[in-house]
């Protein structure tokens, strides 16, 4: 069970559209230094549905390495495609994350 302050950190982008990993690392460090209980990588403010799989994987790996289990790492796995979300959940589950953030699809009648 998660408790405390869990923050969905933004994913800063450079003018060319690439992830700004240096700015992002500064955000992670800010939360480490200020008592945040966990971070959500690629959450709703972290562009989960628009990040490329390679970008989300790299952000996740960097987050796990940077926090070193000092705080929780939760990753946004949801997209607008059920099949893509299931695939993301599969490979994200192989990484040392503490949880996944997934929107439940609405059942059709």
N, C-alpha and C. Protein backbone atom coordinates (compact mmCIF):
# COMPACT_ATOMS: atom_id res chain seq x y z
N UNK A 1 0.84 -1.17 0.00
CA UNK A 1 0.00 0.00 0.00
C UNK A 1 0.89 1.24 0.00
N UNK A 2 0.50 2.22 -0.77
CA UNK A 2 1.23 3.48 -0.83
C UNK A 2 0.59 4.49 0.11
N UNK A 3 1.42 5.35 0.66
CA UNK A 3 0.90 6.42 1.51
C UNK A 3 1.83 7.62 1.40
N UNK A 4 1.36 8.73 1.89
CA UNK A 4 2.16 9.94 1.85
C UNK A 4 1.95 10.72 0.57
N UNK A 5 2.89 11.54 0.25
CA UNK A 5 2.82 12.40 -0.92
C UNK A 5 3.42 11.68 -2.13
N UNK A 6 2.57 11.35 -3.09
CA UNK A 6 2.99 10.70 -4.33
C UNK A 6 2.77 11.71 -5.46
N UNK A 7 3.84 12.14 -6.08
CA UNK A 7 3.78 13.24 -7.04
C UNK A 7 4.00 12.75 -8.46
N UNK A 8 3.05 13.09 -9.33
CA UNK A 8 3.22 12.81 -10.76
C UNK A 8 4.10 13.93 -11.32
N UNK A 9 5.35 13.61 -11.54
CA UNK A 9 6.27 14.65 -12.01
C UNK A 9 6.11 14.86 -13.51
N UNK A 10 6.22 16.12 -13.89
CA UNK A 10 6.14 16.47 -15.31
C UNK A 10 7.35 15.93 -16.05
N UNK A 11 7.19 15.74 -17.34
CA UNK A 11 8.30 15.32 -18.18
C UNK A 11 8.72 16.52 -19.02
N UNK A 12 9.80 17.21 -18.61
CA UNK A 12 10.23 18.38 -19.38
C UNK A 12 10.73 17.97 -20.77
N UNK A 13 10.39 18.79 -21.72
CA UNK A 13 10.80 18.52 -23.10
C UNK A 13 11.68 19.67 -23.59
N UNK A 14 12.62 19.33 -24.46
CA UNK A 14 13.47 20.33 -25.10
C UNK A 14 12.71 20.91 -26.30
N UNK A 15 13.17 22.04 -26.82
CA UNK A 15 12.49 22.65 -27.98
C UNK A 15 12.36 21.71 -29.18
N UNK A 16 13.29 20.76 -29.31
CA UNK A 16 13.22 19.83 -30.44
C UNK A 16 12.27 18.67 -30.20
N UNK A 17 11.61 18.65 -29.02
CA UNK A 17 10.64 17.60 -28.72
C UNK A 17 11.22 16.42 -27.97
N UNK A 18 12.50 16.39 -27.74
CA UNK A 18 13.13 15.30 -26.99
C UNK A 18 12.96 15.53 -25.49
N UNK A 19 12.99 14.45 -24.73
CA UNK A 19 12.91 14.56 -23.28
C UNK A 19 14.16 15.27 -22.77
N UNK A 20 13.96 16.23 -21.87
CA UNK A 20 15.09 16.93 -21.24
C UNK A 20 15.44 16.16 -19.97
N UNK A 21 16.32 15.18 -20.11
CA UNK A 21 16.66 14.30 -18.99
C UNK A 21 17.37 15.03 -17.85
N UNK A 22 18.12 16.09 -18.17
CA UNK A 22 18.79 16.85 -17.11
C UNK A 22 17.78 17.59 -16.25
N UNK A 23 16.83 18.28 -16.88
CA UNK A 23 15.79 18.98 -16.13
C UNK A 23 14.94 17.99 -15.35
N UNK A 24 14.65 16.85 -15.95
CA UNK A 24 13.86 15.82 -15.29
C UNK A 24 14.58 15.28 -14.05
N UNK A 25 15.88 15.05 -14.15
CA UNK A 25 16.66 14.57 -13.01
C UNK A 25 16.62 15.58 -11.87
N UNK A 26 16.64 16.86 -12.20
CA UNK A 26 16.54 17.90 -11.18
C UNK A 26 15.21 17.83 -10.45
N UNK A 27 14.13 17.53 -11.17
CA UNK A 27 12.82 17.36 -10.53
C UNK A 27 12.82 16.16 -9.59
N UNK A 28 13.40 15.07 -10.01
CA UNK A 28 13.48 13.89 -9.15
C UNK A 28 14.27 14.22 -7.89
N UNK A 29 15.41 14.90 -8.05
CA UNK A 29 16.23 15.28 -6.90
C UNK A 29 15.48 16.20 -5.95
N UNK A 30 14.67 17.10 -6.49
CA UNK A 30 13.88 18.00 -5.66
C UNK A 30 12.95 17.19 -4.74
N UNK A 31 12.33 16.17 -5.29
CA UNK A 31 11.41 15.35 -4.49
C UNK A 31 12.16 14.48 -3.50
N UNK A 32 13.32 13.99 -3.87
CA UNK A 32 14.13 13.23 -2.93
C UNK A 32 14.54 14.09 -1.73
N UNK A 33 14.87 15.33 -1.99
CA UNK A 33 15.36 16.22 -0.94
C UNK A 33 14.25 16.78 -0.05
N UNK A 34 13.00 16.67 -0.50
CA UNK A 34 11.93 17.34 0.23
C UNK A 34 10.86 16.43 0.80
N UNK A 35 11.18 15.17 0.98
CA UNK A 35 10.28 14.29 1.69
C UNK A 35 9.11 13.70 0.92
N UNK A 36 9.16 13.77 -0.39
CA UNK A 36 8.12 13.13 -1.18
C UNK A 36 8.19 11.62 -0.97
N UNK A 37 7.05 10.98 -0.81
CA UNK A 37 7.00 9.54 -0.55
C UNK A 37 7.20 8.71 -1.80
N UNK A 38 6.87 9.28 -2.94
CA UNK A 38 7.03 8.55 -4.19
C UNK A 38 6.77 9.45 -5.38
N UNK A 39 7.26 9.02 -6.52
CA UNK A 39 7.04 9.76 -7.76
C UNK A 39 6.31 8.87 -8.75
N UNK A 40 5.50 9.52 -9.57
CA UNK A 40 4.84 8.84 -10.67
C UNK A 40 5.52 9.31 -11.94
N UNK A 41 6.14 8.38 -12.62
CA UNK A 41 6.85 8.66 -13.87
C UNK A 41 5.87 8.42 -15.02
N UNK A 42 5.78 9.39 -15.92
CA UNK A 42 4.87 9.22 -17.05
C UNK A 42 3.42 9.15 -16.62
N UNK A 43 3.07 9.87 -15.57
CA UNK A 43 1.68 9.91 -15.11
C UNK A 43 0.87 10.84 -16.00
N UNK A 44 -0.27 11.27 -15.52
CA UNK A 44 -1.12 12.12 -16.35
C UNK A 44 -0.49 13.48 -16.63
N UNK A 45 0.37 13.97 -15.73
CA UNK A 45 1.10 15.20 -16.03
C UNK A 45 2.42 14.87 -16.71
N UNK A 46 2.74 13.60 -16.82
CA UNK A 46 3.99 13.17 -17.44
C UNK A 46 3.79 12.58 -18.81
N UNK A 47 2.68 12.89 -19.43
CA UNK A 47 2.44 12.53 -20.82
C UNK A 47 2.45 11.01 -21.08
N UNK A 48 1.85 10.24 -20.19
CA UNK A 48 1.89 8.78 -20.34
C UNK A 48 1.39 8.30 -21.70
N UNK A 49 0.37 8.93 -22.19
CA UNK A 49 -0.20 8.46 -23.46
C UNK A 49 0.57 8.95 -24.69
N UNK A 50 1.48 9.90 -24.50
CA UNK A 50 2.19 10.44 -25.66
C UNK A 50 3.68 10.13 -25.69
N UNK A 51 4.22 9.67 -24.56
CA UNK A 51 5.63 9.28 -24.56
C UNK A 51 5.84 8.03 -25.40
N UNK A 52 6.92 8.00 -26.12
CA UNK A 52 7.29 6.78 -26.83
C UNK A 52 7.66 5.72 -25.80
N UNK A 53 7.49 4.46 -26.15
CA UNK A 53 7.88 3.39 -25.23
C UNK A 53 9.35 3.52 -24.83
N UNK A 54 10.20 3.86 -25.77
CA UNK A 54 11.63 4.00 -25.47
C UNK A 54 11.88 5.13 -24.47
N UNK A 55 11.12 6.22 -24.58
CA UNK A 55 11.26 7.33 -23.64
C UNK A 55 10.78 6.92 -22.24
N UNK A 56 9.62 6.26 -22.19
CA UNK A 56 9.08 5.83 -20.90
C UNK A 56 10.00 4.81 -20.24
N UNK A 57 10.54 3.91 -21.02
CA UNK A 57 11.48 2.92 -20.47
C UNK A 57 12.72 3.61 -19.90
N UNK A 58 13.28 4.56 -20.64
CA UNK A 58 14.47 5.25 -20.16
C UNK A 58 14.17 6.08 -18.91
N UNK A 59 13.05 6.79 -18.89
CA UNK A 59 12.67 7.55 -17.70
C UNK A 59 12.50 6.63 -16.50
N UNK A 60 11.88 5.49 -16.71
CA UNK A 60 11.65 4.54 -15.63
C UNK A 60 12.96 3.98 -15.10
N UNK A 61 13.83 3.57 -16.00
CA UNK A 61 15.13 3.03 -15.58
C UNK A 61 15.94 4.09 -14.83
N UNK A 62 15.93 5.31 -15.34
CA UNK A 62 16.67 6.39 -14.68
C UNK A 62 16.07 6.69 -13.30
N UNK A 63 14.76 6.67 -13.20
CA UNK A 63 14.10 6.94 -11.92
C UNK A 63 14.49 5.88 -10.90
N UNK A 64 14.42 4.62 -11.29
CA UNK A 64 14.75 3.53 -10.36
C UNK A 64 16.20 3.64 -9.90
N UNK A 65 17.09 3.95 -10.82
CA UNK A 65 18.51 4.10 -10.46
C UNK A 65 18.72 5.31 -9.55
N UNK A 66 18.06 6.41 -9.87
CA UNK A 66 18.29 7.67 -9.14
C UNK A 66 17.74 7.61 -7.72
N UNK A 67 16.57 7.02 -7.53
CA UNK A 67 15.97 7.01 -6.19
C UNK A 67 16.49 5.86 -5.34
N UNK A 68 16.99 4.82 -5.96
CA UNK A 68 17.58 3.72 -5.21
C UNK A 68 16.70 3.16 -4.11
N UNK A 69 15.43 3.03 -4.34
CA UNK A 69 14.46 2.47 -3.37
C UNK A 69 14.22 3.37 -2.16
N UNK A 70 14.73 4.60 -2.20
CA UNK A 70 14.49 5.52 -1.08
C UNK A 70 13.05 6.00 -1.06
N UNK A 71 12.44 6.13 -2.24
CA UNK A 71 11.03 6.47 -2.37
C UNK A 71 10.41 5.55 -3.42
N UNK A 72 9.09 5.50 -3.44
CA UNK A 72 8.40 4.64 -4.40
C UNK A 72 8.48 5.21 -5.81
N UNK A 73 8.56 4.31 -6.78
CA UNK A 73 8.49 4.68 -8.19
C UNK A 73 7.28 3.98 -8.78
N UNK A 74 6.32 4.79 -9.21
CA UNK A 74 5.11 4.29 -9.86
C UNK A 74 5.15 4.81 -11.29
N UNK A 75 4.73 4.00 -12.24
CA UNK A 75 4.85 4.39 -13.65
C UNK A 75 3.49 4.36 -14.33
N UNK A 76 3.20 5.41 -15.07
CA UNK A 76 1.99 5.48 -15.88
C UNK A 76 2.12 4.56 -17.08
N UNK A 77 1.27 3.56 -17.13
CA UNK A 77 1.32 2.59 -18.23
C UNK A 77 0.18 2.78 -19.21
N UNK A 78 -0.76 3.62 -18.87
CA UNK A 78 -1.98 3.75 -19.67
C UNK A 78 -1.81 4.50 -20.97
N UNK A 79 -2.49 4.03 -21.97
CA UNK A 79 -2.59 4.71 -23.26
C UNK A 79 -4.05 4.64 -23.70
N UNK A 80 -4.36 5.14 -24.86
CA UNK A 80 -5.72 5.05 -25.35
C UNK A 80 -5.99 3.73 -26.07
N UNK A 81 -5.00 2.86 -26.09
CA UNK A 81 -5.14 1.55 -26.72
C UNK A 81 -4.98 0.46 -25.67
N UNK A 82 -5.98 -0.39 -25.54
CA UNK A 82 -5.88 -1.48 -24.56
C UNK A 82 -4.70 -2.38 -24.86
N UNK A 83 -4.50 -2.74 -26.12
CA UNK A 83 -3.40 -3.64 -26.49
C UNK A 83 -2.04 -3.01 -26.16
N UNK A 84 -1.89 -1.72 -26.43
CA UNK A 84 -0.63 -1.04 -26.14
C UNK A 84 -0.41 -0.95 -24.63
N UNK A 85 -1.48 -0.69 -23.89
CA UNK A 85 -1.37 -0.63 -22.44
C UNK A 85 -0.96 -1.98 -21.87
N UNK A 86 -1.57 -3.05 -22.35
CA UNK A 86 -1.21 -4.40 -21.88
C UNK A 86 0.25 -4.69 -22.18
N UNK A 87 0.73 -4.31 -23.34
CA UNK A 87 2.14 -4.52 -23.68
C UNK A 87 3.05 -3.70 -22.77
N UNK A 88 2.67 -2.45 -22.51
CA UNK A 88 3.47 -1.62 -21.60
C UNK A 88 3.52 -2.23 -20.20
N UNK A 89 2.40 -2.69 -19.73
CA UNK A 89 2.36 -3.32 -18.41
C UNK A 89 3.30 -4.51 -18.37
N UNK A 90 3.35 -5.28 -19.45
CA UNK A 90 4.23 -6.45 -19.51
C UNK A 90 5.68 -6.06 -19.31
N UNK A 91 6.19 -5.12 -20.13
CA UNK A 91 7.62 -4.81 -20.01
C UNK A 91 7.94 -3.92 -18.82
N UNK A 92 7.00 -3.07 -18.40
CA UNK A 92 7.25 -2.27 -17.19
C UNK A 92 7.31 -3.16 -15.95
N UNK A 93 6.57 -4.24 -15.95
CA UNK A 93 6.57 -5.16 -14.81
C UNK A 93 7.91 -5.88 -14.65
N UNK A 94 8.72 -5.87 -15.68
CA UNK A 94 10.05 -6.48 -15.61
C UNK A 94 11.09 -5.53 -14.99
N UNK A 95 10.71 -4.27 -14.80
CA UNK A 95 11.62 -3.28 -14.22
C UNK A 95 11.35 -3.18 -12.71
N UNK A 96 12.31 -2.66 -11.94
CA UNK A 96 12.15 -2.63 -10.48
C UNK A 96 11.27 -1.47 -9.98
N UNK A 97 10.03 -1.42 -10.49
CA UNK A 97 9.09 -0.37 -10.08
C UNK A 97 8.23 -0.87 -8.92
N UNK A 98 7.64 0.07 -8.20
CA UNK A 98 6.80 -0.28 -7.07
C UNK A 98 5.33 -0.39 -7.43
N UNK A 99 4.93 0.18 -8.56
CA UNK A 99 3.54 0.11 -8.97
C UNK A 99 3.35 0.69 -10.36
N UNK A 100 2.20 0.41 -10.92
CA UNK A 100 1.83 0.92 -12.24
C UNK A 100 0.51 1.67 -12.13
N UNK A 101 0.39 2.74 -12.88
CA UNK A 101 -0.82 3.55 -12.93
C UNK A 101 -1.52 3.23 -14.25
N UNK A 102 -2.70 2.63 -14.14
CA UNK A 102 -3.43 2.22 -15.33
C UNK A 102 -4.90 2.58 -15.16
N UNK A 103 -5.46 3.25 -16.14
CA UNK A 103 -6.90 3.53 -16.13
C UNK A 103 -7.65 2.27 -16.55
N UNK A 104 -8.71 1.98 -15.85
CA UNK A 104 -9.50 0.79 -16.17
C UNK A 104 -10.42 1.10 -17.33
N UNK A 105 -10.37 0.29 -18.39
CA UNK A 105 -11.28 0.53 -19.52
C UNK A 105 -12.73 0.34 -19.10
N UNK A 106 -13.60 1.11 -19.69
CA UNK A 106 -15.02 0.99 -19.43
C UNK A 106 -15.55 -0.24 -20.17
N UNK A 107 -16.29 -1.05 -19.46
CA UNK A 107 -16.87 -2.24 -20.09
C UNK A 107 -17.92 -1.84 -21.10
N UNK A 108 -17.89 -2.47 -22.25
CA UNK A 108 -18.92 -2.18 -23.26
C UNK A 108 -20.08 -3.15 -23.07
N UNK A 109 -21.23 -2.74 -23.49
CA UNK A 109 -22.43 -3.58 -23.34
C UNK A 109 -22.84 -4.20 -24.63
